[in-house]
């Protein structure tokens, strides 16, 4: 129980400092045990602009590690963002350490052309 509440405190602390706009949305990362989910969020209007996850058919069909799937998901969200015309984002790691799968998402998004 303490682990969950500590993570929640970290999430709240991060969210007080960052927020997304229409020109620079927030890339929110949710990491479950098996998958990773990404959303580009405009916090001013409270809408999700684009989303991607490791459960997307083209990513889930590949037989690679979870970290490599996370990198592919980061590249997918970068592709969707550039189609919309978004070049820079604010990265919200969602209370997770910037390490492992969360770092792989960041690397994939940077290689896809996003700046943060």
C-alpha atoms as a PDB file:
ATOM      1  CA  UNK A   1       0.000   0.000   0.000  1.00  0.00           C
ATOM      2  CA  UNK A   2       2.816   2.407   0.802  1.00  0.00           C
ATOM      3  CA  UNK A   3       4.359   1.906  -2.643  1.00  0.00           C
ATOM      4  CA  UNK A   4       1.143   2.955  -4.384  1.00  0.00           C
ATOM      5  CA  UNK A   5       0.591   6.011  -2.199  1.00  0.00           C
ATOM      6  CA  UNK A   6       4.211   7.120  -2.661  1.00  0.00           C
ATOM      7  CA  UNK A   7       3.837   6.856  -6.431  1.00  0.00           C
ATOM      8  CA  UNK A   8       0.595   8.845  -6.228  1.00  0.00           C
ATOM      9  CA  UNK A   9       2.363  11.598  -4.251  1.00  0.00           C
ATOM     10  CA  UNK A  10       5.065  11.761  -6.909  1.00  0.00           C
ATOM     11  CA  UNK A  11       2.395  11.957  -9.649  1.00  0.00           C
ATOM     12  CA  UNK A  12       0.657  14.856  -7.911  1.00  0.00           C
ATOM     13  CA  UNK A  13       3.965  16.662  -7.359  1.00  0.00           C
ATOM     14  CA  UNK A  14       4.837  16.317 -11.063  1.00  0.00           C
ATOM     15  CA  UNK A  15       1.388  17.470 -12.192  1.00  0.00           C
ATOM     16  CA  UNK A  16       1.568  20.690 -10.167  1.00  0.00           C
ATOM     17  CA  UNK A  17       4.648  21.683 -12.164  1.00  0.00           C
ATOM     18  CA  UNK A  18       3.703  20.673 -15.712  1.00  0.00           C
ATOM     19  CA  UNK A  19       0.655  21.010 -17.923  1.00  0.00           C
ATOM     20  CA  UNK A  20      -0.019  20.692 -21.624  1.00  0.00           C
ATOM     21  CA  UNK A  21      -1.264  23.314 -24.065  1.00  0.00           C
ATOM     22  CA  UNK A  22      -2.601  23.090 -27.619  1.00  0.00           C
ATOM     23  CA  UNK A  23       0.811  23.932 -29.088  1.00  0.00           C
ATOM     24  CA  UNK A  24       2.824  21.925 -26.549  1.00  0.00           C
ATOM     25  CA  UNK A  25       0.732  19.039 -25.182  1.00  0.00           C
ATOM     26  CA  UNK A  26       1.645  16.769 -22.278  1.00  0.00           C
ATOM     27  CA  UNK A  27       2.776  13.245 -23.145  1.00  0.00           C
ATOM     28  CA  UNK A  28       1.284  11.214 -20.287  1.00  0.00           C
ATOM     29  CA  UNK A  29       2.743   7.743 -19.709  1.00  0.00           C
ATOM     30  CA  UNK A  30       0.892   4.958 -17.896  1.00  0.00           C
ATOM     31  CA  UNK A  31       2.894   1.788 -17.305  1.00  0.00           C
ATOM     32  CA  UNK A  32       1.133  -1.425 -16.332  1.00  0.00           C
ATOM     33  CA  UNK A  33       2.859  -4.746 -15.718  1.00  0.00           C
ATOM     34  CA  UNK A  34       2.369  -5.905 -19.300  1.00  0.00           C
ATOM     35  CA  UNK A  35       1.735  -2.807 -21.434  1.00  0.00           C
ATOM     36  CA  UNK A  36       2.413   0.906 -21.713  1.00  0.00           C
ATOM     37  CA  UNK A  37      -0.138   3.544 -22.710  1.00  0.00           C
ATOM     38  CA  UNK A  38       0.647   7.023 -24.061  1.00  0.00           C
ATOM     39  CA  UNK A  39      -1.588  10.067 -24.489  1.00  0.00           C
ATOM     40  CA  UNK A  40      -0.996  13.567 -25.823  1.00  0.00           C
ATOM     41  CA  UNK A  41      -3.186  15.779 -23.629  1.00  0.00           C
ATOM     42  CA  UNK A  42      -4.222  19.421 -23.924  1.00  0.00           C
ATOM     43  CA  UNK A  43      -4.835  20.334 -20.259  1.00  0.00           C
ATOM     44  CA  UNK A  44      -6.318  23.748 -21.072  1.00  0.00           C
ATOM     45  CA  UNK A  45      -9.321  22.133 -22.768  1.00  0.00           C
ATOM     46  CA  UNK A  46      -9.077  18.778 -21.015  1.00  0.00           C
ATOM     47  CA  UNK A  47      -8.937  16.690 -24.200  1.00  0.00           C
ATOM     48  CA  UNK A  48      -6.774  13.885 -25.495  1.00  0.00           C
ATOM     49  CA  UNK A  49      -5.239  14.827 -28.838  1.00  0.00           C
ATOM     50  CA  UNK A  50      -3.678  11.468 -29.740  1.00  0.00           C
ATOM     51  CA  UNK A  51      -2.995   8.118 -28.101  1.00  0.00           C
ATOM     52  CA  UNK A  52      -0.839   5.042 -28.649  1.00  0.00           C
ATOM     53  CA  UNK A  53      -0.032   1.910 -26.701  1.00  0.00           C
ATOM     54  CA  UNK A  54       1.793  -1.384 -26.918  1.00  0.00           C
ATOM     55  CA  UNK A  55      -1.608  -2.997 -27.480  1.00  0.00           C
ATOM     56  CA  UNK A  56      -1.920  -1.431 -30.948  1.00  0.00           C
ATOM     57  CA  UNK A  57      -2.089  -4.220 -33.522  1.00  0.00           C
ATOM     58  CA  UNK A  58       1.123  -3.388 -35.381  1.00  0.00           C
ATOM     59  CA  UNK A  59       3.134  -3.172 -32.137  1.00  0.00           C
ATOM     60  CA  UNK A  60       1.524  -6.112 -30.299  1.00  0.00           C
ATOM     61  CA  UNK A  61       2.134  -8.435 -33.268  1.00  0.00           C
ATOM     62  CA  UNK A  62       5.903  -8.074 -32.958  1.00  0.00           C
ATOM     63  CA  UNK A  63       7.775 -10.640 -30.878  1.00  0.00           C
ATOM     64  CA  UNK A  64      10.195  -8.357 -29.025  1.00  0.00           C
ATOM     65  CA  UNK A  65      10.811  -7.378 -25.409  1.00  0.00           C
ATOM     66  CA  UNK A  66       8.552  -4.988 -23.491  1.00  0.00           C
ATOM     67  CA  UNK A  67      11.213  -2.265 -23.637  1.00  0.00           C
ATOM     68  CA  UNK A  68      11.478  -2.538 -27.405  1.00  0.00           C
ATOM     69  CA  UNK A  69       7.669  -2.428 -27.693  1.00  0.00           C
ATOM     70  CA  UNK A  70       7.702   0.715 -25.544  1.00  0.00           C
ATOM     71  CA  UNK A  71      10.193   2.314 -27.910  1.00  0.00           C
ATOM     72  CA  UNK A  72       7.916   1.439 -30.849  1.00  0.00           C
ATOM     73  CA  UNK A  73       4.960   3.003 -29.010  1.00  0.00           C
ATOM     74  CA  UNK A  74       7.002   6.179 -28.466  1.00  0.00           C
ATOM     75  CA  UNK A  75       7.785   6.300 -32.184  1.00  0.00           C
ATOM     76  CA  UNK A  76       4.084   5.742 -32.980  1.00  0.00           C
ATOM     77  CA  UNK A  77       2.943   8.656 -30.805  1.00  0.00           C
ATOM     78  CA  UNK A  78       5.659  10.833 -32.389  1.00  0.00           C
ATOM     79  CA  UNK A  79       4.362   9.899 -35.841  1.00  0.00           C
ATOM     80  CA  UNK A  80       0.790  10.797 -34.851  1.00  0.00           C
ATOM     81  CA  UNK A  81       1.964  14.090 -33.325  1.00  0.00           C
ATOM     82  CA  UNK A  82       3.851  15.154 -36.435  1.00  0.00           C
ATOM     83  CA  UNK A  83       0.789  14.345 -38.585  1.00  0.00           C
ATOM     84  CA  UNK A  84      -1.214  16.752 -36.415  1.00  0.00           C
ATOM     85  CA  UNK A  85       1.573  19.356 -36.569  1.00  0.00           C
ATOM     86  CA  UNK A  86       3.014  19.078 -33.063  1.00  0.00           C
ATOM     87  CA  UNK A  87       6.789  19.257 -32.741  1.00  0.00           C
ATOM     88  CA  UNK A  88       7.421  19.744 -29.025  1.00  0.00           C
ATOM     89  CA  UNK A  89       5.817  18.200 -25.946  1.00  0.00           C
ATOM     90  CA  UNK A  90       6.028  18.128 -22.162  1.00  0.00           C
ATOM     91  CA  UNK A  91       6.954  14.654 -20.886  1.00  0.00           C
ATOM     92  CA  UNK A  92       4.901  13.358 -17.939  1.00  0.00           C
ATOM     93  CA  UNK A  93       6.445  10.146 -16.615  1.00  0.00           C
ATOM     94  CA  UNK A  94       3.429   9.516 -14.396  1.00  0.00           C
ATOM     95  CA  UNK A  95       5.294   8.901 -11.148  1.00  0.00           C
ATOM     96  CA  UNK A  96       7.588   6.291 -12.692  1.00  0.00           C
ATOM     97  CA  UNK A  97      11.348   6.599 -12.705  1.00  0.00           C
ATOM     98  CA  UNK A  98      12.820   7.762 -16.033  1.00  0.00           C
ATOM     99  CA  UNK A  99      14.375   4.360 -16.535  1.00  0.00           C
ATOM    100  CA  UNK A 100      13.669   1.165 -18.435  1.00  0.00           C
ATOM    101  CA  UNK A 101      10.379   1.174 -20.372  1.00  0.00           C
ATOM    102  CA  UNK A 102       9.590   4.827 -19.607  1.00  0.00           C
ATOM    103  CA  UNK A 103      13.027   5.856 -20.910  1.00  0.00           C
ATOM    104  CA  UNK A 104      12.460   3.688 -23.992  1.00  0.00           C
ATOM    105  CA  UNK A 105       9.263   5.660 -24.692  1.00  0.00           C
ATOM    106  CA  UNK A 106      11.223   8.899 -24.447  1.00  0.00           C
ATOM    107  CA  UNK A 107      13.951   7.610 -26.752  1.00  0.00           C
ATOM    108  CA  UNK A 108      11.394   6.413 -29.314  1.00  0.00           C
ATOM    109  CA  UNK A 109       9.567   9.743 -29.235  1.00  0.00           C
ATOM    110  CA  UNK A 110      12.817  11.691 -29.666  1.00  0.00           C
ATOM    111  CA  UNK A 111      13.865   9.498 -32.592  1.00  0.00           C
ATOM    112  CA  UNK A 112      10.411  10.085 -34.089  1.00  0.00           C
ATOM    113  CA  UNK A 113      11.061  13.839 -34.119  1.00  0.00           C
ATOM    114  CA  UNK A 114       9.463  15.150 -30.900  1.00  0.00           C
ATOM    115  CA  UNK A 115      11.373  17.609 -28.744  1.00  0.00           C
ATOM    116  CA  UNK A 116      11.076  17.797 -24.961  1.00  0.00           C
END
